[in-house]
Amino acid sequence: MIAIASSTGAVITLIVIFGYVSNWLNWSLLNYKITHLLYYIGAFVHESSHALLCLLTGAKIQEFNVLSTQPQVTHGRSKLPFIGATLISTAPIFGGLLFLFLVNRYLLGGHFSIIQSSTTWNTAFFGLVSFLGQIKFWEWQSWVMILLLINTGAMIGPSIQDVKNIWPVLIVLFFIHSSIITSLGLVALSLILVNILLQIFIALCVWIFRIF
């Protein structure tokens, strides 16, 4: 049970679940034009990650659409059997992290410590707390990161369709612990949880403002 709890498959599954929760919060509690715009930024990074891996694994892209309510990349079969579909479906986890890392490094001057080594649930939790502690509302860098983090679920979280594409592999991954993938996955999960906490905080602020 311990091995399964810390497995790569469990981490990916939680990323999918909380990514879905994040998207639901956006459309249910923060249904505003600015939120929609930020959602499409996240969707662009998400679908671009899929598209890039399609190109790298030889899967022909048939449709690239990020401007609909259900953004998607439609593609043919990868030339890399088995592993190709897995790489394409999980690409947003790593593509989203890379995007946030590059923005932080080159736009924000490395203002935040995003990538931390996390191979256990405890270190992932403390990574979340550590990242929240870096947000200062009087700094413009924090506001840029907040705006990006509001749609991290859409950016990083694999969709339900992505899971359907790789469910046999995901079952196998429940019994495998890959240190590198699990570590990056826990970082991604931490950022999505930060995303959800920010969404709840903003929704509460809006609710209080409307009362008064």
N, C-alpha and C. Protein backbone atom coordinates (compact mmCIF):
# COMPACT_ATOMS: atom_id res chain seq x y z
N MET A 1 0.82 -1.20 0.00
CA MET A 1 0.00 0.00 0.00
C MET A 1 0.86 1.26 0.00
N ILE A 2 1.97 1.25 0.74
CA ILE A 2 2.85 2.41 0.80
C ILE A 2 3.44 2.68 -0.56
N ALA A 3 3.85 1.58 -1.25
CA ALA A 3 4.45 1.74 -2.58
C ALA A 3 3.47 2.37 -3.54
N ILE A 4 2.20 1.91 -3.47
CA ILE A 4 1.18 2.45 -4.36
C ILE A 4 0.91 3.91 -4.01
N ALA A 5 0.88 4.23 -2.71
CA ALA A 5 0.58 5.60 -2.29
C ALA A 5 1.61 6.59 -2.82
N SER A 6 2.87 6.16 -2.93
CA SER A 6 3.93 7.06 -3.39
C SER A 6 4.29 6.82 -4.86
N SER A 7 3.45 6.08 -5.57
CA SER A 7 3.77 5.72 -6.94
C SER A 7 3.56 6.88 -7.89
N THR A 8 4.19 6.76 -9.05
CA THR A 8 4.05 7.77 -10.10
C THR A 8 2.61 7.86 -10.57
N GLY A 9 1.94 6.71 -10.69
CA GLY A 9 0.55 6.69 -11.13
C GLY A 9 -0.36 7.44 -10.18
N ALA A 10 -0.12 7.31 -8.87
CA ALA A 10 -0.94 8.01 -7.88
C ALA A 10 -0.76 9.51 -8.00
N VAL A 11 0.47 9.95 -8.22
CA VAL A 11 0.74 11.38 -8.35
C VAL A 11 0.04 11.94 -9.59
N ILE A 12 0.15 11.24 -10.71
CA ILE A 12 -0.50 11.70 -11.94
C ILE A 12 -2.01 11.74 -11.77
N THR A 13 -2.58 10.74 -11.11
CA THR A 13 -4.02 10.70 -10.88
C THR A 13 -4.47 11.90 -10.05
N LEU A 14 -3.72 12.24 -9.02
CA LEU A 14 -4.08 13.39 -8.19
C LEU A 14 -3.95 14.70 -8.96
N ILE A 15 -2.97 14.78 -9.85
CA ILE A 15 -2.84 15.97 -10.70
C ILE A 15 -4.08 16.13 -11.57
N VAL A 16 -4.57 15.02 -12.12
CA VAL A 16 -5.78 15.05 -12.96
C VAL A 16 -6.98 15.49 -12.12
N ILE A 17 -7.16 14.90 -10.93
CA ILE A 17 -8.32 15.19 -10.08
C ILE A 17 -8.33 16.66 -9.65
N PHE A 18 -7.21 17.14 -9.12
CA PHE A 18 -7.18 18.51 -8.63
C PHE A 18 -7.14 19.52 -9.78
N GLY A 19 -6.61 19.10 -10.94
CA GLY A 19 -6.69 19.96 -12.11
C GLY A 19 -8.13 20.17 -12.52
N TYR A 20 -8.92 19.10 -12.44
CA TYR A 20 -10.36 19.19 -12.76
C TYR A 20 -11.07 20.09 -11.75
N VAL A 21 -10.73 19.94 -10.46
CA VAL A 21 -11.33 20.78 -9.42
C VAL A 21 -11.01 22.25 -9.69
N SER A 22 -9.77 22.52 -10.08
CA SER A 22 -9.36 23.89 -10.38
C SER A 22 -10.17 24.48 -11.52
N ASN A 23 -10.34 23.72 -12.59
CA ASN A 23 -11.13 24.20 -13.73
C ASN A 23 -12.59 24.42 -13.34
N TRP A 24 -13.13 23.54 -12.51
CA TRP A 24 -14.51 23.69 -12.04
C TRP A 24 -14.68 24.97 -11.23
N LEU A 25 -13.71 25.27 -10.36
CA LEU A 25 -13.77 26.49 -9.57
C LEU A 25 -13.73 27.72 -10.46
N ASN A 26 -12.89 27.68 -11.50
CA ASN A 26 -12.80 28.81 -12.42
C ASN A 26 -14.14 29.11 -13.06
N TRP A 27 -14.81 28.07 -13.57
CA TRP A 27 -16.04 28.28 -14.32
C TRP A 27 -17.26 28.42 -13.41
N SER A 28 -17.15 27.99 -12.16
CA SER A 28 -18.30 28.07 -11.25
C SER A 28 -18.26 29.30 -10.35
N LEU A 29 -17.10 29.59 -9.77
CA LEU A 29 -16.99 30.69 -8.80
C LEU A 29 -16.31 31.93 -9.36
N LEU A 30 -15.51 31.77 -10.40
CA LEU A 30 -14.77 32.90 -10.97
C LEU A 30 -15.08 33.05 -12.45
N ASN A 31 -16.36 33.07 -12.75
CA ASN A 31 -16.81 33.10 -14.14
C ASN A 31 -16.82 34.54 -14.67
N TYR A 32 -15.59 35.08 -14.88
CA TYR A 32 -15.44 36.45 -15.35
C TYR A 32 -14.58 36.47 -16.61
N LYS A 33 -14.64 37.59 -17.35
CA LYS A 33 -13.89 37.69 -18.61
C LYS A 33 -12.39 37.54 -18.40
N ILE A 34 -11.86 38.16 -17.32
CA ILE A 34 -10.43 38.05 -17.06
C ILE A 34 -10.03 36.61 -16.78
N THR A 35 -10.90 35.89 -16.06
CA THR A 35 -10.62 34.48 -15.77
C THR A 35 -10.62 33.66 -17.05
N HIS A 36 -11.57 33.96 -17.94
CA HIS A 36 -11.62 33.24 -19.22
C HIS A 36 -10.36 33.48 -20.03
N LEU A 37 -9.89 34.74 -20.04
CA LEU A 37 -8.67 35.06 -20.77
C LEU A 37 -7.49 34.28 -20.21
N LEU A 38 -7.37 34.25 -18.89
CA LEU A 38 -6.27 33.52 -18.26
C LEU A 38 -6.40 32.02 -18.54
N TYR A 39 -7.64 31.53 -18.58
CA TYR A 39 -7.86 30.11 -18.88
C TYR A 39 -7.30 29.77 -20.25
N TYR A 40 -7.51 30.64 -21.23
CA TYR A 40 -7.03 30.34 -22.58
C TYR A 40 -5.51 30.42 -22.68
N ILE A 41 -4.89 31.23 -21.83
CA ILE A 41 -3.42 31.23 -21.77
C ILE A 41 -2.93 29.87 -21.29
N GLY A 42 -3.58 29.37 -20.24
CA GLY A 42 -3.24 28.04 -19.74
C GLY A 42 -3.52 26.97 -20.75
N ALA A 43 -4.67 27.09 -21.45
CA ALA A 43 -5.04 26.10 -22.46
C ALA A 43 -4.03 26.10 -23.62
N PHE A 44 -3.53 27.29 -23.97
CA PHE A 44 -2.54 27.38 -25.05
C PHE A 44 -1.26 26.62 -24.68
N VAL A 45 -0.80 26.84 -23.44
CA VAL A 45 0.40 26.12 -22.97
C VAL A 45 0.13 24.62 -22.94
N HIS A 46 -1.04 24.24 -22.44
CA HIS A 46 -1.42 22.83 -22.33
C HIS A 46 -1.42 22.16 -23.70
N GLU A 47 -2.16 22.76 -24.64
CA GLU A 47 -2.28 22.14 -25.97
C GLU A 47 -0.98 22.23 -26.76
N SER A 48 -0.21 23.29 -26.55
CA SER A 48 1.09 23.41 -27.22
C SER A 48 2.04 22.31 -26.76
N SER A 49 1.93 21.95 -25.47
CA SER A 49 2.76 20.86 -24.95
C SER A 49 2.41 19.55 -25.64
N HIS A 50 1.10 19.30 -25.81
CA HIS A 50 0.66 18.12 -26.57
C HIS A 50 1.23 18.16 -27.98
N ALA A 51 1.08 19.32 -28.64
CA ALA A 51 1.48 19.45 -30.05
C ALA A 51 2.98 19.22 -30.22
N LEU A 52 3.77 19.77 -29.30
CA LEU A 52 5.22 19.61 -29.39
C LEU A 52 5.62 18.15 -29.28
N LEU A 53 5.00 17.43 -28.35
CA LEU A 53 5.32 16.00 -28.21
C LEU A 53 4.81 15.20 -29.39
N CYS A 54 3.71 15.65 -30.01
CA CYS A 54 3.25 15.00 -31.24
C CYS A 54 4.34 15.09 -32.30
N LEU A 55 4.92 16.28 -32.45
CA LEU A 55 5.97 16.48 -33.45
C LEU A 55 7.21 15.64 -33.12
N LEU A 56 7.56 15.57 -31.85
CA LEU A 56 8.76 14.85 -31.44
C LEU A 56 8.60 13.33 -31.53
N THR A 57 7.36 12.85 -31.43
CA THR A 57 7.13 11.40 -31.48
C THR A 57 6.54 10.94 -32.81
N GLY A 58 6.43 11.86 -33.78
CA GLY A 58 5.97 11.48 -35.11
C GLY A 58 4.48 11.29 -35.26
N ALA A 59 3.68 11.89 -34.36
CA ALA A 59 2.22 11.81 -34.48
C ALA A 59 1.72 13.00 -35.29
N LYS A 60 0.99 12.76 -36.36
CA LYS A 60 0.51 13.83 -37.23
C LYS A 60 -0.59 14.62 -36.55
N ILE A 61 -0.42 15.95 -36.48
CA ILE A 61 -1.42 16.82 -35.88
C ILE A 61 -2.54 17.09 -36.89
N GLN A 62 -3.75 16.77 -36.51
CA GLN A 62 -4.91 16.96 -37.39
C GLN A 62 -5.69 18.22 -37.07
N GLU A 63 -5.67 18.63 -35.82
CA GLU A 63 -6.38 19.85 -35.40
C GLU A 63 -5.71 20.43 -34.17
N PHE A 64 -5.54 21.75 -34.17
CA PHE A 64 -4.99 22.47 -33.01
C PHE A 64 -5.96 23.60 -32.69
N ASN A 65 -6.71 23.47 -31.59
CA ASN A 65 -7.78 24.42 -31.28
C ASN A 65 -7.72 24.81 -29.81
N VAL A 66 -7.45 26.09 -29.55
CA VAL A 66 -7.40 26.55 -28.16
C VAL A 66 -8.44 27.65 -27.88
N LEU A 67 -9.23 28.01 -28.87
CA LEU A 67 -10.17 29.12 -28.72
C LEU A 67 -11.60 28.68 -28.47
N SER A 68 -11.84 27.39 -28.33
CA SER A 68 -13.19 26.91 -28.05
C SER A 68 -13.33 26.67 -26.55
N THR A 69 -14.55 26.36 -26.11
CA THR A 69 -14.75 26.06 -24.69
C THR A 69 -14.10 24.75 -24.30
N GLN A 70 -13.78 23.91 -25.29
CA GLN A 70 -13.07 22.65 -25.03
C GLN A 70 -11.85 22.58 -25.93
N PRO A 71 -10.77 23.29 -25.57
CA PRO A 71 -9.54 23.28 -26.37
C PRO A 71 -9.01 21.86 -26.53
N GLN A 72 -8.43 21.58 -27.70
CA GLN A 72 -7.92 20.23 -27.91
C GLN A 72 -6.92 20.19 -29.06
N VAL A 73 -6.10 19.16 -29.03
CA VAL A 73 -5.24 18.81 -30.15
C VAL A 73 -5.65 17.42 -30.61
N THR A 74 -6.07 17.31 -31.86
CA THR A 74 -6.41 16.01 -32.43
C THR A 74 -5.21 15.54 -33.25
N HIS A 75 -4.81 14.30 -33.02
CA HIS A 75 -3.60 13.82 -33.69
C HIS A 75 -3.74 12.34 -34.04
N GLY A 76 -2.86 11.92 -34.91
CA GLY A 76 -2.83 10.51 -35.29
C GLY A 76 -1.95 9.71 -34.35
N ARG A 77 -1.65 8.50 -34.74
CA ARG A 77 -0.84 7.61 -33.88
C ARG A 77 0.61 8.04 -33.87
N SER A 78 1.25 7.89 -32.73
CA SER A 78 2.67 8.18 -32.62
C SER A 78 3.47 7.07 -33.28
N LYS A 79 4.64 7.42 -33.80
CA LYS A 79 5.52 6.42 -34.39
C LYS A 79 6.27 5.64 -33.31
N LEU A 80 6.14 6.08 -32.08
CA LEU A 80 6.73 5.35 -30.96
C LEU A 80 5.62 4.59 -30.26
N PRO A 81 5.47 3.30 -30.49
CA PRO A 81 4.39 2.55 -29.87
C PRO A 81 4.43 2.63 -28.35
N PHE A 82 3.25 2.69 -27.76
CA PHE A 82 3.09 2.64 -26.31
C PHE A 82 3.62 3.91 -25.61
N ILE A 83 4.95 4.13 -25.70
CA ILE A 83 5.55 5.25 -24.99
C ILE A 83 5.16 6.59 -25.60
N GLY A 84 4.94 6.62 -26.93
CA GLY A 84 4.60 7.86 -27.60
C GLY A 84 3.31 8.47 -27.09
N ALA A 85 2.26 7.64 -26.98
CA ALA A 85 0.96 8.12 -26.49
C ALA A 85 1.07 8.62 -25.04
N THR A 86 1.89 7.94 -24.25
CA THR A 86 2.08 8.35 -22.85
C THR A 86 2.76 9.71 -22.77
N LEU A 87 3.80 9.90 -23.57
CA LEU A 87 4.51 11.18 -23.58
C LEU A 87 3.60 12.32 -24.02
N ILE A 88 2.80 12.07 -25.05
CA ILE A 88 1.88 13.10 -25.56
C ILE A 88 0.83 13.46 -24.51
N SER A 89 0.26 12.46 -23.86
CA SER A 89 -0.83 12.69 -22.91
C SER A 89 -0.36 13.37 -21.63
N THR A 90 0.87 13.09 -21.20
CA THR A 90 1.37 13.69 -19.95
C THR A 90 2.22 14.93 -20.20
N ALA A 91 2.36 15.34 -21.46
CA ALA A 91 3.20 16.48 -21.82
C ALA A 91 2.86 17.76 -21.07
N PRO A 92 1.56 18.08 -20.82
CA PRO A 92 1.25 19.34 -20.12
C PRO A 92 1.86 19.44 -18.73
N ILE A 93 2.05 18.32 -18.05
CA ILE A 93 2.65 18.38 -16.71
C ILE A 93 4.03 19.03 -16.80
N PHE A 94 4.82 18.56 -17.76
CA PHE A 94 6.19 19.04 -17.88
C PHE A 94 6.26 20.34 -18.68
N GLY A 95 5.38 20.48 -19.68
CA GLY A 95 5.34 21.71 -20.46
C GLY A 95 4.89 22.90 -19.62
N GLY A 96 3.88 22.67 -18.76
CA GLY A 96 3.40 23.73 -17.88
C GLY A 96 4.45 24.16 -16.88
N LEU A 97 5.16 23.19 -16.31
CA LEU A 97 6.23 23.51 -15.37
C LEU A 97 7.35 24.28 -16.06
N LEU A 98 7.70 23.86 -17.29
CA LEU A 98 8.75 24.55 -18.04
C LEU A 98 8.34 25.99 -18.33
N PHE A 99 7.06 26.19 -18.71
CA PHE A 99 6.58 27.53 -19.01
C PHE A 99 6.70 28.42 -17.77
N LEU A 100 6.23 27.94 -16.62
CA LEU A 100 6.30 28.74 -15.40
C LEU A 100 7.75 29.00 -14.99
N PHE A 101 8.60 28.01 -15.19
CA PHE A 101 10.02 28.17 -14.87
C PHE A 101 10.65 29.26 -15.74
N LEU A 102 10.34 29.24 -17.04
CA LEU A 102 10.92 30.22 -17.96
C LEU A 102 10.41 31.63 -17.67
N VAL A 103 9.10 31.74 -17.38
CA VAL A 103 8.55 33.06 -17.02
C VAL A 103 9.22 33.59 -15.76
N ASN A 104 9.35 32.71 -14.77
CA ASN A 104 9.98 33.11 -13.51
C ASN A 104 11.45 33.49 -13.72
N ARG A 105 12.13 32.72 -14.56
CA ARG A 105 13.57 32.94 -14.75
C ARG A 105 13.86 34.19 -15.57
N TYR A 106 13.13 34.39 -16.66
CA TYR A 106 13.48 35.46 -17.59
C TYR A 106 12.61 36.70 -17.49
N LEU A 107 11.36 36.57 -17.05
CA LEU A 107 10.51 37.74 -16.89
C LEU A 107 10.56 38.29 -15.47
N LEU A 108 10.57 37.38 -14.51
CA LEU A 108 10.53 37.80 -13.10
C LEU A 108 11.90 37.78 -12.45
N GLY A 109 12.93 37.46 -13.22
CA GLY A 109 14.30 37.49 -12.69
C GLY A 109 14.57 36.47 -11.60
N GLY A 110 13.91 35.31 -11.69
CA GLY A 110 14.11 34.26 -10.68
C GLY A 110 13.57 34.64 -9.32
N HIS A 111 12.50 35.42 -9.30
CA HIS A 111 11.95 35.93 -8.05
C HIS A 111 11.42 34.82 -7.14
N PHE A 112 10.92 33.74 -7.75
CA PHE A 112 10.33 32.64 -6.98
C PHE A 112 11.19 31.38 -7.08
N SER A 113 11.15 30.61 -6.02
CA SER A 113 11.75 29.29 -6.04
C SER A 113 10.64 28.29 -6.35
N ILE A 114 10.59 27.82 -7.61
CA ILE A 114 9.49 26.96 -8.05
C ILE A 114 9.87 25.50 -8.01
N ILE A 115 10.97 25.15 -8.65
CA ILE A 115 11.36 23.75 -8.76
C ILE A 115 12.15 23.34 -7.53
N GLN A 116 11.54 22.51 -6.71
CA GLN A 116 12.21 21.97 -5.53
C GLN A 116 12.12 20.45 -5.56
N SER A 117 13.15 19.81 -5.05
CA SER A 117 13.16 18.35 -5.05
C SER A 117 12.13 17.84 -4.05
N SER A 118 11.11 17.15 -4.57
CA SER A 118 10.05 16.62 -3.71
C SER A 118 9.74 15.19 -4.13
N THR A 119 10.11 14.24 -3.31
CA THR A 119 9.86 12.84 -3.65
C THR A 119 8.90 12.18 -2.67
N THR A 120 8.44 12.93 -1.68
CA THR A 120 7.47 12.38 -0.72
C THR A 120 6.33 13.38 -0.54
N TRP A 121 5.20 12.90 0.00
CA TRP A 121 4.05 13.77 0.20
C TRP A 121 4.38 14.89 1.19
N ASN A 122 5.20 14.61 2.20
CA ASN A 122 5.54 15.64 3.19
C ASN A 122 6.31 16.79 2.57
N THR A 123 7.32 16.46 1.76
CA THR A 123 8.11 17.52 1.15
C THR A 123 7.26 18.30 0.14
N ALA A 124 6.31 17.62 -0.51
CA ALA A 124 5.42 18.32 -1.43
C ALA A 124 4.55 19.31 -0.67
N PHE A 125 4.05 18.92 0.50
CA PHE A 125 3.22 19.81 1.31
C PHE A 125 4.02 21.02 1.76
N PHE A 126 5.23 20.80 2.24
CA PHE A 126 6.04 21.92 2.71
C PHE A 126 6.48 22.79 1.55
N GLY A 127 6.60 22.18 0.35
CA GLY A 127 6.90 22.98 -0.84
C GLY A 127 5.76 23.93 -1.14
N LEU A 128 4.52 23.45 -0.96
CA LEU A 128 3.33 24.29 -1.17
C LEU A 128 3.35 25.46 -0.19
N VAL A 129 3.59 25.17 1.09
CA VAL A 129 3.62 26.21 2.12
C VAL A 129 4.73 27.21 1.83
N SER A 130 5.89 26.69 1.40
CA SER A 130 7.02 27.55 1.10
C SER A 130 6.70 28.50 -0.05
N PHE A 131 6.02 27.98 -1.08
CA PHE A 131 5.70 28.82 -2.24
C PHE A 131 4.70 29.90 -1.84
N LEU A 132 3.68 29.53 -1.06
CA LEU A 132 2.71 30.53 -0.60
C LEU A 132 3.40 31.64 0.19
N GLY A 133 4.42 31.26 0.94
CA GLY A 133 5.14 32.24 1.74
C GLY A 133 5.94 33.22 0.90
N GLN A 134 6.18 32.88 -0.36
CA GLN A 134 6.93 33.77 -1.25
C GLN A 134 6.06 34.83 -1.90
N ILE A 135 4.74 34.66 -1.83
CA ILE A 135 3.82 35.61 -2.46
C ILE A 135 3.65 36.84 -1.57
N LYS A 136 4.01 37.99 -2.11
CA LYS A 136 3.86 39.27 -1.40
C LYS A 136 2.96 40.16 -2.26
N PHE A 137 1.81 40.55 -1.74
CA PHE A 137 0.82 41.26 -2.53
C PHE A 137 1.25 42.66 -2.95
N TRP A 138 2.33 43.17 -2.36
CA TRP A 138 2.80 44.50 -2.74
C TRP A 138 3.88 44.43 -3.84
N GLU A 139 4.21 43.23 -4.30
CA GLU A 139 5.22 43.07 -5.35
C GLU A 139 4.56 42.73 -6.69
N TRP A 140 4.98 43.41 -7.76
CA TRP A 140 4.38 43.16 -9.07
C TRP A 140 4.67 41.74 -9.55
N GLN A 141 5.84 41.21 -9.16
CA GLN A 141 6.16 39.83 -9.56
C GLN A 141 5.15 38.83 -9.01
N SER A 142 4.69 39.09 -7.80
CA SER A 142 3.70 38.19 -7.19
C SER A 142 2.39 38.24 -7.97
N TRP A 143 1.98 39.42 -8.43
CA TRP A 143 0.74 39.54 -9.18
C TRP A 143 0.82 38.85 -10.53
N VAL A 144 1.98 38.93 -11.18
CA VAL A 144 2.16 38.20 -12.44
C VAL A 144 2.02 36.70 -12.19
N MET A 145 2.66 36.22 -11.13
CA MET A 145 2.61 34.79 -10.83
C MET A 145 1.20 34.37 -10.41
N ILE A 146 0.50 35.21 -9.65
CA ILE A 146 -0.87 34.89 -9.25
C ILE A 146 -1.76 34.74 -10.47
N LEU A 147 -1.65 35.67 -11.42
CA LEU A 147 -2.47 35.62 -12.63
C LEU A 147 -2.21 34.34 -13.43
N LEU A 148 -0.94 33.91 -13.45
CA LEU A 148 -0.61 32.67 -14.15
C LEU A 148 -1.09 31.45 -13.36
N LEU A 149 -0.96 31.51 -12.04
CA LEU A 149 -1.32 30.36 -11.21
C LEU A 149 -2.82 30.13 -11.14
N ILE A 150 -3.63 31.18 -11.39
CA ILE A 150 -5.08 31.01 -11.32
C ILE A 150 -5.56 29.94 -12.29
N ASN A 151 -4.83 29.73 -13.38
CA ASN A 151 -5.26 28.71 -14.34
C ASN A 151 -4.23 27.60 -14.51
N THR A 152 -3.49 27.33 -13.42
CA THR A 152 -2.50 26.25 -13.48
C THR A 152 -3.14 24.90 -13.72
N GLY A 153 -4.36 24.71 -13.19
CA GLY A 153 -5.06 23.43 -13.41
C GLY A 153 -5.27 23.15 -14.88
N ALA A 154 -5.67 24.20 -15.63
CA ALA A 154 -5.86 24.05 -17.08
C ALA A 154 -4.53 23.88 -17.79
N MET A 155 -3.50 24.52 -17.26
CA MET A 155 -2.20 24.50 -17.90
C MET A 155 -1.48 23.16 -17.73
N ILE A 156 -1.49 22.65 -16.52
CA ILE A 156 -0.67 21.48 -16.18
C ILE A 156 -1.47 20.17 -16.14
N GLY A 157 -2.69 20.23 -15.64
CA GLY A 157 -3.45 19.00 -15.42
C GLY A 157 -3.87 18.29 -16.70
N PRO A 158 -3.49 17.03 -16.88
CA PRO A 158 -3.99 16.25 -18.02
C PRO A 158 -5.51 16.16 -17.97
N SER A 159 -6.15 16.21 -19.13
CA SER A 159 -7.61 16.13 -19.18
C SER A 159 -8.09 14.70 -19.01
N ILE A 160 -9.41 14.54 -18.86
CA ILE A 160 -9.99 13.20 -18.76
C ILE A 160 -9.68 12.40 -20.02
N GLN A 161 -9.72 13.08 -21.19
CA GLN A 161 -9.41 12.40 -22.44
C GLN A 161 -7.96 11.93 -22.47
N ASP A 162 -7.06 12.74 -21.90
CA ASP A 162 -5.65 12.33 -21.83
C ASP A 162 -5.51 11.04 -21.02
N VAL A 163 -6.26 10.96 -19.92
CA VAL A 163 -6.20 9.76 -19.08
C VAL A 163 -6.76 8.55 -19.83
N LYS A 164 -7.85 8.77 -20.58
CA LYS A 164 -8.43 7.68 -21.36
C LYS A 164 -7.42 7.14 -22.38
N ASN A 165 -6.59 8.04 -22.89
CA ASN A 165 -5.60 7.62 -23.91
C ASN A 165 -4.50 6.75 -23.33
N ILE A 166 -4.26 6.87 -22.02
CA ILE A 166 -3.11 6.14 -21.44
C ILE A 166 -3.50 5.31 -20.22
N TRP A 167 -4.80 4.99 -20.04
CA TRP A 167 -5.19 4.32 -18.80
C TRP A 167 -4.47 3.00 -18.55
N PRO A 168 -4.13 2.19 -19.60
CA PRO A 168 -3.39 0.96 -19.28
C PRO A 168 -2.01 1.27 -18.68
N VAL A 169 -1.35 2.31 -19.21
CA VAL A 169 -0.03 2.70 -18.69
C VAL A 169 -0.17 3.24 -17.28
N LEU A 170 -1.25 4.02 -17.03
CA LEU A 170 -1.45 4.62 -15.72
C LEU A 170 -1.62 3.54 -14.65
N ILE A 171 -2.32 2.47 -14.99
CA ILE A 171 -2.49 1.37 -14.04
C ILE A 171 -1.14 0.77 -13.67
N VAL A 172 -0.29 0.58 -14.68
CA VAL A 172 1.06 0.04 -14.45
C VAL A 172 1.86 0.99 -13.55
N LEU A 173 1.72 2.31 -13.81
CA LEU A 173 2.48 3.30 -13.04
C LEU A 173 2.09 3.35 -11.57
N PHE A 174 0.91 2.79 -11.24
CA PHE A 174 0.52 2.73 -9.82
C PHE A 174 1.44 1.81 -9.03
N PHE A 175 2.17 0.95 -9.71
CA PHE A 175 3.07 0.01 -9.04
C PHE A 175 4.53 0.33 -9.31
N ILE A 176 4.78 1.54 -9.83
CA ILE A 176 6.14 1.96 -10.17
C ILE A 176 6.42 3.32 -9.53
N HIS A 177 7.63 3.48 -9.02
CA HIS A 177 8.03 4.77 -8.46
C HIS A 177 9.24 5.26 -9.24
N SER A 178 9.02 6.27 -10.11
CA SER A 178 10.10 6.91 -10.84
C SER A 178 10.45 8.21 -10.13
N SER A 179 11.64 8.29 -9.57
CA SER A 179 12.01 9.45 -8.75
C SER A 179 11.88 10.77 -9.49
N ILE A 180 12.36 10.81 -10.74
CA ILE A 180 12.35 12.06 -11.51
C ILE A 180 10.93 12.48 -11.82
N ILE A 181 10.12 11.54 -12.39
CA ILE A 181 8.75 11.87 -12.78
C ILE A 181 7.90 12.20 -11.55
N THR A 182 8.07 11.40 -10.49
CA THR A 182 7.31 11.64 -9.26
C THR A 182 7.66 12.99 -8.65
N SER A 183 8.95 13.33 -8.65
CA SER A 183 9.40 14.60 -8.09
C SER A 183 8.78 15.77 -8.84
N LEU A 184 8.85 15.76 -10.18
CA LEU A 184 8.26 16.83 -10.98
C LEU A 184 6.74 16.83 -10.83
N GLY A 185 6.16 15.63 -10.75
CA GLY A 185 4.71 15.53 -10.57
C GLY A 185 4.25 16.15 -9.27
N LEU A 186 5.01 15.96 -8.19
CA LEU A 186 4.65 16.54 -6.90
C LEU A 186 4.80 18.06 -6.91
N VAL A 187 5.78 18.57 -7.66
CA VAL A 187 5.91 20.02 -7.83
C VAL A 187 4.67 20.55 -8.55
N ALA A 188 4.27 19.86 -9.63
CA ALA A 188 3.08 20.26 -10.39
C ALA A 188 1.84 20.21 -9.50
N LEU A 189 1.72 19.16 -8.71
CA LEU A 189 0.57 19.02 -7.80
C LEU A 189 0.54 20.16 -6.78
N SER A 190 1.70 20.51 -6.25
CA SER A 190 1.79 21.61 -5.28
C SER A 190 1.29 22.91 -5.90
N LEU A 191 1.71 23.18 -7.15
CA LEU A 191 1.31 24.42 -7.82
C LEU A 191 -0.19 24.44 -8.10
N ILE A 192 -0.76 23.29 -8.43
CA ILE A 192 -2.21 23.23 -8.66
C ILE A 192 -2.95 23.48 -7.35
N LEU A 193 -2.44 22.96 -6.25
CA LEU A 193 -3.06 23.20 -4.94
C LEU A 193 -2.94 24.67 -4.54
N VAL A 194 -1.80 25.30 -4.86
CA VAL A 194 -1.66 26.74 -4.65
C VAL A 194 -2.73 27.47 -5.47
N ASN A 195 -2.89 27.03 -6.72
CA ASN A 195 -3.91 27.56 -7.63
C ASN A 195 -5.30 27.50 -6.98
N ILE A 196 -5.66 26.35 -6.42
CA ILE A 196 -6.98 26.17 -5.82
C ILE A 196 -7.15 27.07 -4.59
N LEU A 197 -6.12 27.18 -3.77
CA LEU A 197 -6.20 28.05 -2.59
C LEU A 197 -6.39 29.51 -3.01
N LEU A 198 -5.69 29.94 -4.06
CA LEU A 198 -5.85 31.31 -4.56
C LEU A 198 -7.25 31.53 -5.10
N GLN A 199 -7.78 30.53 -5.82
CA GLN A 199 -9.14 30.66 -6.35
C GLN A 199 -10.16 30.82 -5.23
N ILE A 200 -10.03 30.00 -4.18
CA ILE A 200 -10.96 30.08 -3.05
C ILE A 200 -10.83 31.43 -2.35
N PHE A 201 -9.60 31.90 -2.19
CA PHE A 201 -9.37 33.19 -1.54
C PHE A 201 -10.00 34.33 -2.34
N ILE A 202 -9.80 34.33 -3.65
CA ILE A 202 -10.37 35.38 -4.51
C ILE A 202 -11.89 35.31 -4.49
N ALA A 203 -12.44 34.10 -4.56
CA ALA A 203 -13.90 33.94 -4.54
C ALA A 203 -14.48 34.48 -3.23
N LEU A 204 -13.80 34.23 -2.11
CA LEU A 204 -14.25 34.74 -0.81
C LEU A 204 -14.19 36.26 -0.77
N CYS A 205 -13.12 36.83 -1.33
CA CYS A 205 -12.98 38.30 -1.37
C CYS A 205 -14.12 38.92 -2.18
N VAL A 206 -14.44 38.31 -3.32
CA VAL A 206 -15.53 38.82 -4.17
C VAL A 206 -16.85 38.73 -3.42
N TRP A 207 -17.07 37.62 -2.73
CA TRP A 207 -18.31 37.41 -1.97
C TRP A 207 -18.45 38.46 -0.86
N ILE A 208 -17.35 38.70 -0.13
CA ILE A 208 -17.38 39.69 0.96
C ILE A 208 -17.61 41.10 0.39
N PHE A 209 -16.97 41.39 -0.73
CA PHE A 209 -17.14 42.71 -1.36
C PHE A 209 -18.61 42.95 -1.77
N ARG A 210 -19.25 41.90 -2.27
CA ARG A 210 -20.65 42.03 -2.68
C ARG A 210 -21.58 42.24 -1.50
N ILE A 211 -21.24 41.63 -0.36
CA ILE A 211 -22.06 41.79 0.84
C ILE A 211 -22.03 43.24 1.34
N PHE A 212 -20.84 43.82 1.31
CA PHE A 212 -20.68 45.17 1.84
C PHE A 212 -20.81 46.22 0.75
